[in-house]
Amino acid sequence: QVQLVESGGGLVQAGGSLRLSCAASGGTFSRYVMGWFRQVPGQERAFVAAISGSGDNTYYAESVKGRFTISRDNAKNTVDLRMNSLKPEDTAVYYCAGRWNNLNYYWRSDNYDYWGQGTQVTVSS
């Protein structure tokens, strides 16, 4: 069983930056594909970014490509999401997610087995 705990959300002005972090425990972290998703009220959880177990492969939603960077530290069992040039439309609850060693359909939230509790990111205009 893998436990995920996010941190780093908050309030930032448009154009600013935030870094989200997700700490994992309870599994062989380097074998898990990790993803970040976000959700606003009334909408489905949306894919933001994913990273392979080794960290060699990263994937992004078109809406964040060039602004967000996902990274991981397998020695520390953490995965980060660095968010730059934030826009009001980036406002959402951000969730860290994990799945065992499979990159297929990485953009689908229903393919992830483990989820954090979420952290709020609010971008003011």
C-alpha atoms as a PDB file:
ATOM      1  CA  GLN A   1       0.000   0.000   0.000  1.00  0.00           C
ATOM      2  CA  VAL A   2       1.379   3.384  -1.034  1.00  0.00           C
ATOM      3  CA  GLN A   3       0.615   6.573   0.833  1.00  0.00           C
ATOM      4  CA  LEU A   4       0.979   9.932  -0.896  1.00  0.00           C
ATOM      5  CA  VAL A   5       1.048  13.319   0.791  1.00  0.00           C
ATOM      6  CA  GLU A   6       1.119  16.560  -1.178  1.00  0.00           C
ATOM      7  CA  SER A   7       2.421  19.902  -0.002  1.00  0.00           C
ATOM      8  CA  GLY A   8       3.250  23.302  -1.434  1.00  0.00           C
ATOM      9  CA  GLY A   9      -0.069  24.686  -2.605  1.00  0.00           C
ATOM     10  CA  GLY A  10      -1.172  28.209  -1.891  1.00  0.00           C
ATOM     11  CA  LEU A  11      -2.179  31.580  -3.291  1.00  0.00           C
ATOM     12  CA  VAL A  12      -0.060  33.251  -5.961  1.00  0.00           C
ATOM     13  CA  GLN A  13      -0.499  36.085  -8.404  1.00  0.00           C
ATOM     14  CA  ALA A  14      -0.737  35.463 -12.110  1.00  0.00           C
ATOM     15  CA  GLY A  15       2.721  35.089 -13.587  1.00  0.00           C
ATOM     16  CA  GLY A  16       4.119  33.700 -10.372  1.00  0.00           C
ATOM     17  CA  SER A  17       5.511  30.302  -9.504  1.00  0.00           C
ATOM     18  CA  LEU A  18       4.791  27.481  -7.080  1.00  0.00           C
ATOM     19  CA  ARG A  19       6.339  24.131  -6.422  1.00  0.00           C
ATOM     20  CA  LEU A  20       4.221  21.208  -5.325  1.00  0.00           C
ATOM     21  CA  SER A  21       5.795  18.211  -3.683  1.00  0.00           C
ATOM     22  CA  CYS A  22       4.471  14.720  -3.096  1.00  0.00           C
ATOM     23  CA  ALA A  23       6.045  12.402  -0.546  1.00  0.00           C
ATOM     24  CA  ALA A  24       5.479   8.677  -0.980  1.00  0.00           C
ATOM     25  CA  SER A  25       5.765   5.856   1.507  1.00  0.00           C
ATOM     26  CA  GLY A  26       4.953   2.179   1.633  1.00  0.00           C
ATOM     27  CA  GLY A  27       6.166   0.930  -1.724  1.00  0.00           C
ATOM     28  CA  THR A  28       9.113   0.603  -4.081  1.00  0.00           C
ATOM     29  CA  PHE A  29       8.864   4.161  -5.278  1.00  0.00           C
ATOM     30  CA  SER A  30      11.160   3.831  -8.279  1.00  0.00           C
ATOM     31  CA  ARG A  31       8.812   1.266  -9.832  1.00  0.00           C
ATOM     32  CA  TYR A  32       5.809   3.588  -9.792  1.00  0.00           C
ATOM     33  CA  VAL A  33       4.694   5.874 -12.545  1.00  0.00           C
ATOM     34  CA  MET A  34       3.734   9.137 -10.879  1.00  0.00           C
ATOM     35  CA  GLY A  35       1.303  11.728 -12.089  1.00  0.00           C
ATOM     36  CA  TRP A  36      -0.201  15.061 -11.184  1.00  0.00           C
ATOM     37  CA  PHE A  37      -3.840  15.798 -11.824  1.00  0.00           C
ATOM     38  CA  ARG A  38      -6.020  18.772 -11.011  1.00  0.00           C
ATOM     39  CA  GLN A  39      -9.683  19.299 -10.407  1.00  0.00           C
ATOM     40  CA  VAL A  40     -12.006  22.275 -10.198  1.00  0.00           C
ATOM     41  CA  PRO A  41     -15.512  22.045  -8.736  1.00  0.00           C
ATOM     42  CA  GLY A  42     -18.001  20.555 -11.131  1.00  0.00           C
ATOM     43  CA  GLN A  43     -15.362  19.152 -13.475  1.00  0.00           C
ATOM     44  CA  GLU A  44     -13.584  15.853 -13.806  1.00  0.00           C
ATOM     45  CA  ARG A  45     -10.054  15.377 -12.612  1.00  0.00           C
ATOM     46  CA  ALA A  46      -7.711  16.438 -15.409  1.00  0.00           C
ATOM     47  CA  PHE A  47      -4.254  15.199 -16.295  1.00  0.00           C
ATOM     48  CA  VAL A  48      -1.405  17.640 -15.750  1.00  0.00           C
ATOM     49  CA  ALA A  49       1.857  15.704 -15.954  1.00  0.00           C
ATOM     50  CA  ALA A  50       3.357  12.242 -15.517  1.00  0.00           C
ATOM     51  CA  ILE A  51       6.816  10.787 -15.075  1.00  0.00           C
ATOM     52  CA  SER A  52       8.198   7.297 -15.507  1.00  0.00           C
ATOM     53  CA  GLY A  53       9.699   5.349 -12.637  1.00  0.00           C
ATOM     54  CA  SER A  54      13.242   6.151 -13.660  1.00  0.00           C
ATOM     55  CA  GLY A  55      12.439   9.779 -14.359  1.00  0.00           C
ATOM     56  CA  ASP A  56      13.672   9.470 -17.928  1.00  0.00           C
ATOM     57  CA  ASN A  57      10.284  10.086 -19.521  1.00  0.00           C
ATOM     58  CA  THR A  58       7.931  12.949 -18.794  1.00  0.00           C
ATOM     59  CA  TYR A  59       4.569  13.864 -20.237  1.00  0.00           C
ATOM     60  CA  TYR A  60       2.481  17.016 -20.030  1.00  0.00           C
ATOM     61  CA  ALA A  61      -0.958  18.282 -20.832  1.00  0.00           C
ATOM     62  CA  GLU A  62      -0.873  20.789 -23.679  1.00  0.00           C
ATOM     63  CA  SER A  63      -2.220  23.494 -21.390  1.00  0.00           C
ATOM     64  CA  VAL A  64       0.847  23.342 -19.127  1.00  0.00           C
ATOM     65  CA  LYS A  65       3.596  22.357 -21.543  1.00  0.00           C
ATOM     66  CA  GLY A  66       6.499  24.777 -21.320  1.00  0.00           C
ATOM     67  CA  ARG A  67       5.317  26.177 -17.981  1.00  0.00           C
ATOM     68  CA  PHE A  68       5.252  23.159 -15.656  1.00  0.00           C
ATOM     69  CA  THR A  69       8.017  20.668 -14.943  1.00  0.00           C
ATOM     70  CA  ILE A  70       7.600  17.311 -13.253  1.00  0.00           C
ATOM     71  CA  SER A  71      10.582  15.667 -11.574  1.00  0.00           C
ATOM     72  CA  ARG A  72      11.286  12.963  -9.052  1.00  0.00           C
ATOM     73  CA  ASP A  73      13.913  11.977  -6.539  1.00  0.00           C
ATOM     74  CA  ASN A  74      13.822   8.224  -6.040  1.00  0.00           C
ATOM     75  CA  ALA A  75      16.290   8.418  -3.188  1.00  0.00           C
ATOM     76  CA  LYS A  76      13.903  10.665  -1.267  1.00  0.00           C
ATOM     77  CA  ASN A  77      10.664   9.104  -2.556  1.00  0.00           C
ATOM     78  CA  THR A  78       9.363  12.424  -3.774  1.00  0.00           C
ATOM     79  CA  VAL A  79       7.861  13.797  -6.951  1.00  0.00           C
ATOM     80  CA  ASP A  80       7.642  17.533  -7.577  1.00  0.00           C
ATOM     81  CA  LEU A  81       5.677  19.747  -9.904  1.00  0.00           C
ATOM     82  CA  ARG A  82       7.304  23.071 -10.618  1.00  0.00           C
ATOM     83  CA  MET A  83       4.740  25.537 -11.944  1.00  0.00           C
ATOM     84  CA  ASN A  84       5.856  28.752 -13.623  1.00  0.00           C
ATOM     85  CA  SER A  85       3.974  31.535 -15.401  1.00  0.00           C
ATOM     86  CA  LEU A  86       0.827  30.596 -13.532  1.00  0.00           C
ATOM     87  CA  LYS A  87      -2.519  31.677 -14.895  1.00  0.00           C
ATOM     88  CA  PRO A  88      -5.893  32.071 -13.162  1.00  0.00           C
ATOM     89  CA  GLU A  89      -7.120  29.034 -15.096  1.00  0.00           C
ATOM     90  CA  ASP A  90      -4.510  26.932 -13.288  1.00  0.00           C
ATOM     91  CA  THR A  91      -6.543  27.376 -10.111  1.00  0.00           C
ATOM     92  CA  ALA A  92      -7.577  23.923  -8.877  1.00  0.00           C
ATOM     93  CA  VAL A  93      -6.968  21.257  -6.294  1.00  0.00           C
ATOM     94  CA  TYR A  94      -3.858  19.391  -7.373  1.00  0.00           C
ATOM     95  CA  TYR A  95      -3.492  15.679  -6.702  1.00  0.00           C
ATOM     96  CA  CYS A  96      -0.484  13.426  -6.767  1.00  0.00           C
ATOM     97  CA  ALA A  97      -1.140   9.916  -8.067  1.00  0.00           C
ATOM     98  CA  GLY A  98       0.773   6.684  -8.501  1.00  0.00           C
ATOM     99  CA  ARG A  99       0.459   3.463 -10.442  1.00  0.00           C
ATOM    100  CA  TRP A 100       2.629   0.392 -10.651  1.00  0.00           C
ATOM    101  CA  ASN A 101       5.189   0.325 -13.458  1.00  0.00           C
ATOM    102  CA  ASN A 102       2.880   0.986 -16.415  1.00  0.00           C
ATOM    103  CA  LEU A 103       2.892   4.035 -18.659  1.00  0.00           C
ATOM    104  CA  ASN A 104      -0.065   2.991 -20.783  1.00  0.00           C
ATOM    105  CA  TYR A 105      -2.781   5.622 -20.812  1.00  0.00           C
ATOM    106  CA  TYR A 106      -0.850   7.676 -18.303  1.00  0.00           C
ATOM    107  CA  TRP A 107      -3.251  10.574 -18.851  1.00  0.00           C
ATOM    108  CA  ARG A 108      -6.250   8.669 -17.511  1.00  0.00           C
ATOM    109  CA  SER A 109      -6.991   9.191 -13.841  1.00  0.00           C
ATOM    110  CA  ASP A 110      -8.800   5.856 -13.553  1.00  0.00           C
ATOM    111  CA  ASN A 111      -5.517   4.072 -14.309  1.00  0.00           C
ATOM    112  CA  TYR A 112      -3.916   5.301 -11.098  1.00  0.00           C
ATOM    113  CA  ASP A 113      -4.236   3.278  -7.921  1.00  0.00           C
ATOM    114  CA  TYR A 114      -2.973   5.651  -5.274  1.00  0.00           C
ATOM    115  CA  TRP A 115      -3.889   9.244  -4.585  1.00  0.00           C
ATOM    116  CA  GLY A 116      -2.917  11.984  -2.226  1.00  0.00           C
ATOM    117  CA  GLN A 117      -5.385  14.168  -0.391  1.00  0.00           C
ATOM    118  CA  GLY A 118      -4.907  17.131  -2.707  1.00  0.00           C
ATOM    119  CA  THR A 119      -3.532  20.613  -2.275  1.00  0.00           C
ATOM    120  CA  GLN A 120      -5.230  23.849  -3.312  1.00  0.00           C
ATOM    121  CA  VAL A 121      -3.558  26.155  -5.798  1.00  0.00           C
ATOM    122  CA  THR A 122      -5.183  29.537  -6.327  1.00  0.00           C
ATOM    123  CA  VAL A 123      -3.898  31.981  -8.933  1.00  0.00           C
ATOM    124  CA  SER A 124      -5.240  35.510  -8.659  1.00  0.00           C
ATOM    125  CA  SER A 125      -5.481  37.813 -11.647  1.00  0.00           C
END
